[in-house]
């Protein structure tokens, strides 16, 4: 499918139009679909935990958040003391 065709036809319709996928969905019995769905929801927390552990080991730690400055009833969190002083809302 081309670029414009993808924009005009909704994704759900395009997926249903796929010949192999449509036959596969029609042939698969409902109990099997439900069982597969249940298995995938059980495994996802385990996968998420594994991914979180992997990220903790291989990614660098996040930098400490920079301080923000507030004054009076101003809703803005100013990035610097000078910006806070120049604020007209406060």
PDB file of N, CA and C in Angstrom:
ATOM      1  N   UNK A   1       0.844  -1.190   0.000  1.00  0.00           N
ATOM      2  CA  UNK A   1       0.000   0.000   0.000  1.00  0.00           C
ATOM      3  C   UNK A   1       0.877   1.237   0.000  1.00  0.00           C
ATOM      4  N   UNK A   2       0.390   2.226  -0.672  1.00  0.00           N
ATOM      5  CA  UNK A   2       1.162   3.442  -0.777  1.00  0.00           C
ATOM      6  C   UNK A   2       0.966   4.369   0.407  1.00  0.00           C
ATOM      7  N   UNK A   3       1.681   5.453   0.385  1.00  0.00           N
ATOM      8  CA  UNK A   3       1.645   6.430   1.476  1.00  0.00           C
ATOM      9  C   UNK A   3       0.245   7.015   1.656  1.00  0.00           C
ATOM     10  N   UNK A   4      -0.373   7.442   0.550  1.00  0.00           N
ATOM     11  CA  UNK A   4      -1.688   8.082   0.636  1.00  0.00           C
ATOM     12  C   UNK A   4      -2.787   7.074   0.957  1.00  0.00           C
ATOM     13  N   UNK A   5      -2.652   5.862   0.460  1.00  0.00           N
ATOM     14  CA  UNK A   5      -3.649   4.839   0.748  1.00  0.00           C
ATOM     15  C   UNK A   5      -3.703   4.561   2.240  1.00  0.00           C
ATOM     16  N   UNK A   6      -2.539   4.539   2.884  1.00  0.00           N
ATOM     17  CA  UNK A   6      -2.492   4.308   4.325  1.00  0.00           C
ATOM     18  C   UNK A   6      -3.175   5.418   5.095  1.00  0.00           C
ATOM     19  N   UNK A   7      -3.129   6.620   4.568  1.00  0.00           N
ATOM     20  CA  UNK A   7      -3.749   7.755   5.250  1.00  0.00           C
ATOM     21  C   UNK A   7      -5.270   7.752   5.096  1.00  0.00           C
ATOM     22  N   UNK A   8      -5.752   7.236   3.963  1.00  0.00           N
ATOM     23  CA  UNK A   8      -7.181   7.280   3.672  1.00  0.00           C
ATOM     24  C   UNK A   8      -7.961   6.121   4.296  1.00  0.00           C
ATOM     25  N   UNK A   9      -7.364   4.932   4.322  1.00  0.00           N
ATOM     26  CA  UNK A   9      -8.061   3.751   4.821  1.00  0.00           C
ATOM     27  C   UNK A   9      -7.660   3.514   6.273  1.00  0.00           C
ATOM     28  N   UNK A  10      -8.627   3.378   7.192  1.00  0.00           N
ATOM     29  CA  UNK A  10      -8.298   3.149   8.604  1.00  0.00           C
ATOM     30  C   UNK A  10      -7.493   1.870   8.806  1.00  0.00           C
ATOM     31  N   UNK A  11      -6.686   1.844   9.825  1.00  0.00           N
ATOM     32  CA  UNK A  11      -5.797   0.715  10.087  1.00  0.00           C
ATOM     33  C   UNK A  11      -6.586  -0.574  10.311  1.00  0.00           C
ATOM     34  N   UNK A  12      -7.697  -0.470  11.025  1.00  0.00           N
ATOM     35  CA  UNK A  12      -8.500  -1.649  11.310  1.00  0.00           C
ATOM     36  C   UNK A  12      -8.987  -2.301  10.016  1.00  0.00           C
ATOM     37  N   UNK A  13      -9.417  -1.488   9.066  1.00  0.00           N
ATOM     38  CA  UNK A  13      -9.889  -2.004   7.781  1.00  0.00           C
ATOM     39  C   UNK A  13      -8.736  -2.627   7.009  1.00  0.00           C
ATOM     40  N   UNK A  14      -7.580  -1.986   7.031  1.00  0.00           N
ATOM     41  CA  UNK A  14      -6.414  -2.538   6.330  1.00  0.00           C
ATOM     42  C   UNK A  14      -6.015  -3.889   6.920  1.00  0.00           C
ATOM     43  N   UNK A  15      -6.078  -4.027   8.234  1.00  0.00           N
ATOM     44  CA  UNK A  15      -5.713  -5.286   8.876  1.00  0.00           C
ATOM     45  C   UNK A  15      -6.694  -6.386   8.511  1.00  0.00           C
ATOM     46  N   UNK A  16      -7.988  -6.043   8.480  1.00  0.00           N
ATOM     47  CA  UNK A  16      -8.991  -7.045   8.127  1.00  0.00           C
ATOM     48  C   UNK A  16      -8.869  -7.474   6.667  1.00  0.00           C
ATOM     49  N   UNK A  17      -8.361  -6.600   5.836  1.00  0.00           N
ATOM     50  CA  UNK A  17      -8.236  -6.905   4.411  1.00  0.00           C
ATOM     51  C   UNK A  17      -7.079  -7.852   4.111  1.00  0.00           C
ATOM     52  N   UNK A  18      -6.171  -8.047   5.055  1.00  0.00           N
ATOM     53  CA  UNK A  18      -5.016  -8.917   4.836  1.00  0.00           C
ATOM     54  C   UNK A  18      -5.504 -10.364   4.726  1.00  0.00           C
ATOM     55  N   UNK A  19      -5.250 -11.037   3.605  1.00  0.00           N
ATOM     56  CA  UNK A  19      -5.854 -12.356   3.379  1.00  0.00           C
ATOM     57  C   UNK A  19      -5.449 -13.423   4.394  1.00  0.00           C
ATOM     58  N   UNK A  20      -4.179 -13.519   4.728  1.00  0.00           N
ATOM     59  CA  UNK A  20      -3.716 -14.556   5.649  1.00  0.00           C
ATOM     60  C   UNK A  20      -4.239 -14.288   7.050  1.00  0.00           C
ATOM     61  N   UNK A  21      -4.142 -13.039   7.478  1.00  0.00           N
ATOM     62  CA  UNK A  21      -4.575 -12.693   8.825  1.00  0.00           C
ATOM     63  C   UNK A  21      -6.077 -12.906   8.991  1.00  0.00           C
ATOM     64  N   UNK A  22      -6.862 -12.564   7.980  1.00  0.00           N
ATOM     65  CA  UNK A  22      -8.310 -12.720   8.066  1.00  0.00           C
ATOM     66  C   UNK A  22      -8.687 -14.199   8.195  1.00  0.00           C
ATOM     67  N   UNK A  23      -8.048 -15.062   7.426  1.00  0.00           N
ATOM     68  CA  UNK A  23      -8.333 -16.499   7.502  1.00  0.00           C
ATOM     69  C   UNK A  23      -7.898 -17.047   8.857  1.00  0.00           C
ATOM     70  N   UNK A  24      -6.731 -16.625   9.314  1.00  0.00           N
ATOM     71  CA  UNK A  24      -6.200 -17.092  10.590  1.00  0.00           C
ATOM     72  C   UNK A  24      -7.139 -16.724  11.742  1.00  0.00           C
ATOM     73  N   UNK A  25      -7.672 -15.504  11.705  1.00  0.00           N
ATOM     74  CA  UNK A  25      -8.594 -15.059  12.746  1.00  0.00           C
ATOM     75  C   UNK A  25      -9.891 -15.849  12.700  1.00  0.00           C
ATOM     76  N   UNK A  26     -10.366 -16.144  11.493  1.00  0.00           N
ATOM     77  CA  UNK A  26     -11.634 -16.866  11.352  1.00  0.00           C
ATOM     78  C   UNK A  26     -11.505 -18.322  11.787  1.00  0.00           C
ATOM     79  N   UNK A  27     -10.344 -18.929  11.554  1.00  0.00           N
ATOM     80  CA  UNK A  27     -10.145 -20.344  11.839  1.00  0.00           C
ATOM     81  C   UNK A  27      -9.885 -20.594  13.324  1.00  0.00           C
ATOM     82  N   UNK A  28      -9.227 -19.683  13.997  1.00  0.00           N
ATOM     83  CA  UNK A  28      -8.865 -19.880  15.390  1.00  0.00           C
ATOM     84  C   UNK A  28     -10.116 -19.860  16.277  1.00  0.00           C
ATOM     85  N   UNK A  29     -10.351 -20.920  17.059  1.00  0.00           N
ATOM     86  CA  UNK A  29     -11.526 -20.951  17.926  1.00  0.00           C
ATOM     87  C   UNK A  29     -11.405 -19.958  19.084  1.00  0.00           C
ATOM     88  N   UNK A  30     -12.563 -19.532  19.607  1.00  0.00           N
ATOM     89  CA  UNK A  30     -12.581 -18.529  20.673  1.00  0.00           C
ATOM     90  C   UNK A  30     -11.854 -18.980  21.941  1.00  0.00           C
ATOM     91  N   UNK A  31     -12.014 -20.223  22.405  1.00  0.00           N
ATOM     92  CA  UNK A  31     -11.281 -20.630  23.614  1.00  0.00           C
ATOM     93  C   UNK A  31      -9.763 -20.510  23.459  1.00  0.00           C
ATOM     94  N   UNK A  32      -9.273 -20.802  22.265  1.00  0.00           N
ATOM     95  CA  UNK A  32      -7.830 -20.680  22.010  1.00  0.00           C
ATOM     96  C   UNK A  32      -7.420 -19.213  22.071  1.00  0.00           C
ATOM     97  N   UNK A  33      -8.229 -18.340  21.471  1.00  0.00           N
ATOM     98  CA  UNK A  33      -7.929 -16.899  21.511  1.00  0.00           C
ATOM     99  C   UNK A  33      -7.898 -16.400  22.946  1.00  0.00           C
ATOM    100  N   UNK A  34      -8.880 -16.824  23.745  1.00  0.00           N
ATOM    101  CA  UNK A  34      -8.935 -16.391  25.148  1.00  0.00           C
ATOM    102  C   UNK A  34      -7.723 -16.893  25.926  1.00  0.00           C
ATOM    103  N   UNK A  35      -7.335 -18.142  25.677  1.00  0.00           N
ATOM    104  CA  UNK A  35      -6.173 -18.699  26.365  1.00  0.00           C
ATOM    105  C   UNK A  35      -4.896 -17.953  25.978  1.00  0.00           C
ATOM    106  N   UNK A  36      -4.754 -17.650  24.705  1.00  0.00           N
ATOM    107  CA  UNK A  36      -3.569 -16.908  24.261  1.00  0.00           C
ATOM    108  C   UNK A  36      -3.533 -15.516  24.873  1.00  0.00           C
ATOM    109  N   UNK A  37      -4.695 -14.887  24.942  1.00  0.00           N
ATOM    110  CA  UNK A  37      -4.769 -13.556  25.532  1.00  0.00           C
ATOM    111  C   UNK A  37      -4.405 -13.603  27.018  1.00  0.00           C
ATOM    112  N   UNK A  38      -4.883 -14.645  27.728  1.00  0.00           N
ATOM    113  CA  UNK A  38      -4.581 -14.785  29.155  1.00  0.00           C
ATOM    114  C   UNK A  38      -3.090 -15.010  29.377  1.00  0.00           C
ATOM    115  N   UNK A  39      -2.484 -15.834  28.536  1.00  0.00           N
ATOM    116  CA  UNK A  39      -1.047 -16.099  28.668  1.00  0.00           C
ATOM    117  C   UNK A  39      -0.242 -14.834  28.417  1.00  0.00           C
ATOM    118  N   UNK A  40      -0.635 -14.061  27.418  1.00  0.00           N
ATOM    119  CA  UNK A  40       0.134 -12.854  27.108  1.00  0.00           C
ATOM    120  C   UNK A  40       0.025 -11.824  28.222  1.00  0.00           C
ATOM    121  N   UNK A  41      -1.117 -11.761  28.929  1.00  0.00           N
ATOM    122  CA  UNK A  41      -1.233 -10.792  30.028  1.00  0.00           C
ATOM    123  C   UNK A  41      -0.455 -11.259  31.240  1.00  0.00           C
ATOM    124  N   UNK A  42      -0.301 -12.594  31.412  1.00  0.00           N
ATOM    125  CA  UNK A  42       0.464 -13.103  32.546  1.00  0.00           C
ATOM    126  C   UNK A  42       1.945 -12.861  32.331  1.00  0.00           C
ATOM    127  N   UNK A  43       2.408 -13.049  31.102  1.00  0.00           N
ATOM    128  CA  UNK A  43       3.836 -12.894  30.830  1.00  0.00           C
ATOM    129  C   UNK A  43       4.284 -11.449  30.797  1.00  0.00           C
ATOM    130  N   UNK A  44       3.376 -10.527  30.524  1.00  0.00           N
ATOM    131  CA  UNK A  44       3.816  -9.151  30.355  1.00  0.00           C
ATOM    132  C   UNK A  44       4.429  -8.540  31.615  1.00  0.00           C
ATOM    133  N   UNK A  45       3.906  -8.779  32.836  1.00  0.00           N
ATOM    134  CA  UNK A  45       4.590  -8.224  34.009  1.00  0.00           C
ATOM    135  C   UNK A  45       5.989  -8.802  34.198  1.00  0.00           C
ATOM    136  N   UNK A  46       6.146 -10.086  33.860  1.00  0.00           N
ATOM    137  CA  UNK A  46       7.467 -10.713  33.981  1.00  0.00           C
ATOM    138  C   UNK A  46       8.431 -10.079  32.983  1.00  0.00           C
ATOM    139  N   UNK A  47       7.951  -9.881  31.757  1.00  0.00           N
ATOM    140  CA  UNK A  47       8.781  -9.222  30.750  1.00  0.00           C
ATOM    141  C   UNK A  47       9.117  -7.799  31.177  1.00  0.00           C
ATOM    142  N   UNK A  48       8.135  -7.109  31.737  1.00  0.00           N
ATOM    143  CA  UNK A  48       8.368  -5.729  32.164  1.00  0.00           C
ATOM    144  C   UNK A  48       9.417  -5.674  33.262  1.00  0.00           C
ATOM    145  N   UNK A  49       9.370  -6.623  34.191  1.00  0.00           N
ATOM    146  CA  UNK A  49      10.360  -6.658  35.267  1.00  0.00           C
ATOM    147  C   UNK A  49      11.754  -6.935  34.712  1.00  0.00           C
ATOM    148  N   UNK A  50      11.827  -7.866  33.761  1.00  0.00           N
ATOM    149  CA  UNK A  50      13.119  -8.160  33.136  1.00  0.00           C
ATOM    150  C   UNK A  50      13.670  -6.964  32.395  1.00  0.00           C
ATOM    151  N   UNK A  51      12.794  -6.261  31.696  1.00  0.00           N
ATOM    152  CA  UNK A  51      13.217  -5.067  30.962  1.00  0.00           C
ATOM    153  C   UNK A  51      13.687  -3.978  31.925  1.00  0.00           C
ATOM    154  N   UNK A  52      12.980  -3.822  33.050  1.00  0.00           N
ATOM    155  CA  UNK A  52      13.373  -2.814  34.036  1.00  0.00           C
ATOM    156  C   UNK A  52      14.742  -3.134  34.631  1.00  0.00           C
ATOM    157  N   UNK A  53      14.982  -4.409  34.908  1.00  0.00           N
ATOM    158  CA  UNK A  53      16.287  -4.811  35.439  1.00  0.00           C
ATOM    159  C   UNK A  53      17.388  -4.558  34.417  1.00  0.00           C
ATOM    160  N   UNK A  54      17.101  -4.882  33.171  1.00  0.00           N
ATOM    161  CA  UNK A  54      18.075  -4.649  32.106  1.00  0.00           C
ATOM    162  C   UNK A  54      18.389  -3.162  31.965  1.00  0.00           C
ATOM    163  N   UNK A  55      17.355  -2.328  32.024  1.00  0.00           N
ATOM    164  CA  UNK A  55      17.560  -0.888  31.927  1.00  0.00           C
ATOM    165  C   UNK A  55      18.389  -0.370  33.104  1.00  0.00           C
ATOM    166  N   UNK A  56      18.127  -0.911  34.287  1.00  0.00           N
ATOM    167  CA  UNK A  56      18.865  -0.473  35.469  1.00  0.00           C
ATOM    168  C   UNK A  56      20.352  -0.793  35.350  1.00  0.00           C
ATOM    169  N   UNK A  57      20.663  -1.911  34.732  1.00  0.00           N
ATOM    170  CA  UNK A  57      22.062  -2.321  34.606  1.00  0.00           C
ATOM    171  C   UNK A  57      22.778  -1.543  33.506  1.00  0.00           C
ATOM    172  N   UNK A  58      22.126  -1.393  32.351  1.00  0.00           N
ATOM    173  CA  UNK A  58      22.830  -0.870  31.184  1.00  0.00           C
ATOM    174  C   UNK A  58      22.643   0.619  30.911  1.00  0.00           C
ATOM    175  N   UNK A  59      21.697   1.274  31.545  1.00  0.00           N
ATOM    176  CA  UNK A  59      21.507   2.700  31.269  1.00  0.00           C
ATOM    177  C   UNK A  59      22.178   3.544  32.351  1.00  0.00           C
ATOM    178  N   UNK A  60      22.552   4.740  31.964  1.00  0.00           N
ATOM    179  CA  UNK A  60      23.198   5.605  32.939  1.00  0.00           C
ATOM    180  C   UNK A  60      22.128   6.276  33.803  1.00  0.00           C
ATOM    181  N   UNK A  61      22.456   6.606  35.044  1.00  0.00           N
ATOM    182  CA  UNK A  61      21.455   7.190  35.939  1.00  0.00           C
ATOM    183  C   UNK A  61      21.010   8.570  35.478  1.00  0.00           C
ATOM    184  N   UNK A  62      19.780   8.898  35.808  1.00  0.00           N
ATOM    185  CA  UNK A  62      19.252  10.206  35.447  1.00  0.00           C
ATOM    186  C   UNK A  62      19.928  11.282  36.293  1.00  0.00           C
ATOM    187  N   UNK A  63      20.189  12.452  35.701  1.00  0.00           N
ATOM    188  CA  UNK A  63      20.789  13.529  36.486  1.00  0.00           C
ATOM    189  C   UNK A  63      19.790  14.067  37.512  1.00  0.00           C
ATOM    190  N   UNK A  64      20.320  14.639  38.576  1.00  0.00           N
ATOM    191  CA  UNK A  64      19.466  15.206  39.611  1.00  0.00           C
ATOM    192  C   UNK A  64      18.669  16.368  39.031  1.00  0.00           C
ATOM    193  N   UNK A  65      17.419  16.524  39.440  1.00  0.00           N
ATOM    194  CA  UNK A  65      16.619  17.618  38.891  1.00  0.00           C
ATOM    195  C   UNK A  65      17.179  18.977  39.307  1.00  0.00           C
ATOM    196  N   UNK A  66      17.093  19.923  38.384  1.00  0.00           N
ATOM    197  CA  UNK A  66      17.590  21.262  38.678  1.00  0.00           C
ATOM    198  C   UNK A  66      16.585  21.981  39.572  1.00  0.00           C
ATOM    199  N   UNK A  67      17.066  22.831  40.459  1.00  0.00           N
ATOM    200  CA  UNK A  67      16.141  23.517  41.362  1.00  0.00           C
ATOM    201  C   UNK A  67      15.258  24.510  40.617  1.00  0.00           C
ATOM    202  N   UNK A  68      14.053  24.688  41.117  1.00  0.00           N
ATOM    203  CA  UNK A  68      13.148  25.690  40.555  1.00  0.00           C
ATOM    204  C   UNK A  68      12.831  26.703  41.650  1.00  0.00           C
ATOM    205  N   UNK A  69      12.469  27.885  41.221  1.00  0.00           N
ATOM    206  CA  UNK A  69      12.209  28.972  42.156  1.00  0.00           C
ATOM    207  C   UNK A  69      10.759  29.407  42.039  1.00  0.00           C
ATOM    208  N   UNK A  70      10.105  29.557  43.188  1.00  0.00           N
ATOM    209  CA  UNK A  70       8.702  29.978  43.226  1.00  0.00           C
ATOM    210  C   UNK A  70       8.570  31.172  44.154  1.00  0.00           C
ATOM    211  N   UNK A  71       7.505  31.943  43.932  1.00  0.00           N
ATOM    212  CA  UNK A  71       7.263  33.110  44.771  1.00  0.00           C
ATOM    213  C   UNK A  71       5.776  33.403  44.812  1.00  0.00           C
ATOM    214  N   UNK A  72       5.311  33.887  45.931  1.00  0.00           N
ATOM    215  CA  UNK A  72       3.913  34.296  46.065  1.00  0.00           C
ATOM    216  C   UNK A  72       2.937  33.246  45.585  1.00  0.00           C
ATOM    217  N   UNK A  73       1.966  33.671  44.783  1.00  0.00           N
ATOM    218  CA  UNK A  73       0.952  32.767  44.245  1.00  0.00           C
ATOM    219  C   UNK A  73       1.184  32.498  42.757  1.00  0.00           C
ATOM    220  N   UNK A  74       2.378  32.715  42.286  1.00  0.00           N
ATOM    221  CA  UNK A  74       2.713  32.512  40.875  1.00  0.00           C
ATOM    222  C   UNK A  74       2.769  31.002  40.574  1.00  0.00           C
ATOM    223  N   UNK A  75       2.030  30.549  39.555  1.00  0.00           N
ATOM    224  CA  UNK A  75       2.023  29.114  39.244  1.00  0.00           C
ATOM    225  C   UNK A  75       3.268  28.628  38.493  1.00  0.00           C
ATOM    226  N   UNK A  76       4.106  29.534  38.032  1.00  0.00           N
ATOM    227  CA  UNK A  76       5.267  29.170  37.230  1.00  0.00           C
ATOM    228  C   UNK A  76       6.428  28.733  38.115  1.00  0.00           C
ATOM    229  N   UNK A  77       7.083  27.630  37.724  1.00  0.00           N
ATOM    230  CA  UNK A  77       8.309  27.196  38.387  1.00  0.00           C
ATOM    231  C   UNK A  77       9.463  27.785  37.587  1.00  0.00           C
ATOM    232  N   UNK A  78      10.046  28.861  38.088  1.00  0.00           N
ATOM    233  CA  UNK A  78      11.098  29.567  37.354  1.00  0.00           C
ATOM    234  C   UNK A  78      12.400  28.781  37.424  1.00  0.00           C
ATOM    235  N   UNK A  79      13.155  28.834  36.327  1.00  0.00           N
ATOM    236  CA  UNK A  79      14.403  28.081  36.266  1.00  0.00           C
ATOM    237  C   UNK A  79      15.563  28.786  36.949  1.00  0.00           C
ATOM    238  N   UNK A  80      15.475  30.076  37.133  1.00  0.00           N
ATOM    239  CA  UNK A  80      16.566  30.783  37.788  1.00  0.00           C
ATOM    240  C   UNK A  80      16.003  31.825  38.750  1.00  0.00           C
ATOM    241  N   UNK A  81      16.858  32.249  39.664  1.00  0.00           N
ATOM    242  CA  UNK A  81      16.463  33.251  40.649  1.00  0.00           C
ATOM    243  C   UNK A  81      16.141  34.576  39.950  1.00  0.00           C
ATOM    244  N   UNK A  82      16.947  34.933  38.942  1.00  0.00           N
ATOM    245  CA  UNK A  82      16.712  36.181  38.202  1.00  0.00           C
ATOM    246  C   UNK A  82      15.367  36.174  37.479  1.00  0.00           C
ATOM    247  N   UNK A  83      15.025  35.031  36.899  1.00  0.00           N
ATOM    248  CA  UNK A  83      13.729  34.920  36.208  1.00  0.00           C
ATOM    249  C   UNK A  83      12.595  35.082  37.209  1.00  0.00           C
ATOM    250  N   UNK A  84      12.754  34.543  38.392  1.00  0.00           N
ATOM    251  CA  UNK A  84      11.740  34.688  39.423  1.00  0.00           C
ATOM    252  C   UNK A  84      11.577  36.165  39.813  1.00  0.00           C
ATOM    253  N   UNK A  85      12.698  36.849  39.946  1.00  0.00           N
ATOM    254  CA  UNK A  85      12.650  38.264  40.347  1.00  0.00           C
ATOM    255  C   UNK A  85      12.005  39.127  39.282  1.00  0.00           C
ATOM    256  N   UNK A  86      12.225  38.797  37.999  1.00  0.00           N
ATOM    257  CA  UNK A  86      11.685  39.596  36.895  1.00  0.00           C
ATOM    258  C   UNK A  86      10.240  39.273  36.583  1.00  0.00           C
ATOM    259  N   UNK A  87       9.693  38.231  37.214  1.00  0.00           N
ATOM    260  CA  UNK A  87       8.339  37.778  36.910  1.00  0.00           C
ATOM    261  C   UNK A  87       7.326  38.858  37.302  1.00  0.00           C
ATOM    262  N   UNK A  88       6.356  39.070  36.451  1.00  0.00           N
ATOM    263  CA  UNK A  88       5.337  40.112  36.692  1.00  0.00           C
ATOM    264  C   UNK A  88       4.076  39.539  37.317  1.00  0.00           C
ATOM    265  N   UNK A  89       3.968  38.241  37.436  1.00  0.00           N
ATOM    266  CA  UNK A  89       2.754  37.616  37.947  1.00  0.00           C
ATOM    267  C   UNK A  89       2.668  37.684  39.464  1.00  0.00           C
ATOM    268  N   UNK A  90       3.801  37.774  40.118  1.00  0.00           N
ATOM    269  CA  UNK A  90       3.904  37.532  41.513  1.00  0.00           C
ATOM    270  C   UNK A  90       3.509  38.519  42.497  1.00  0.00           C
TER     271      UNK A  90
END
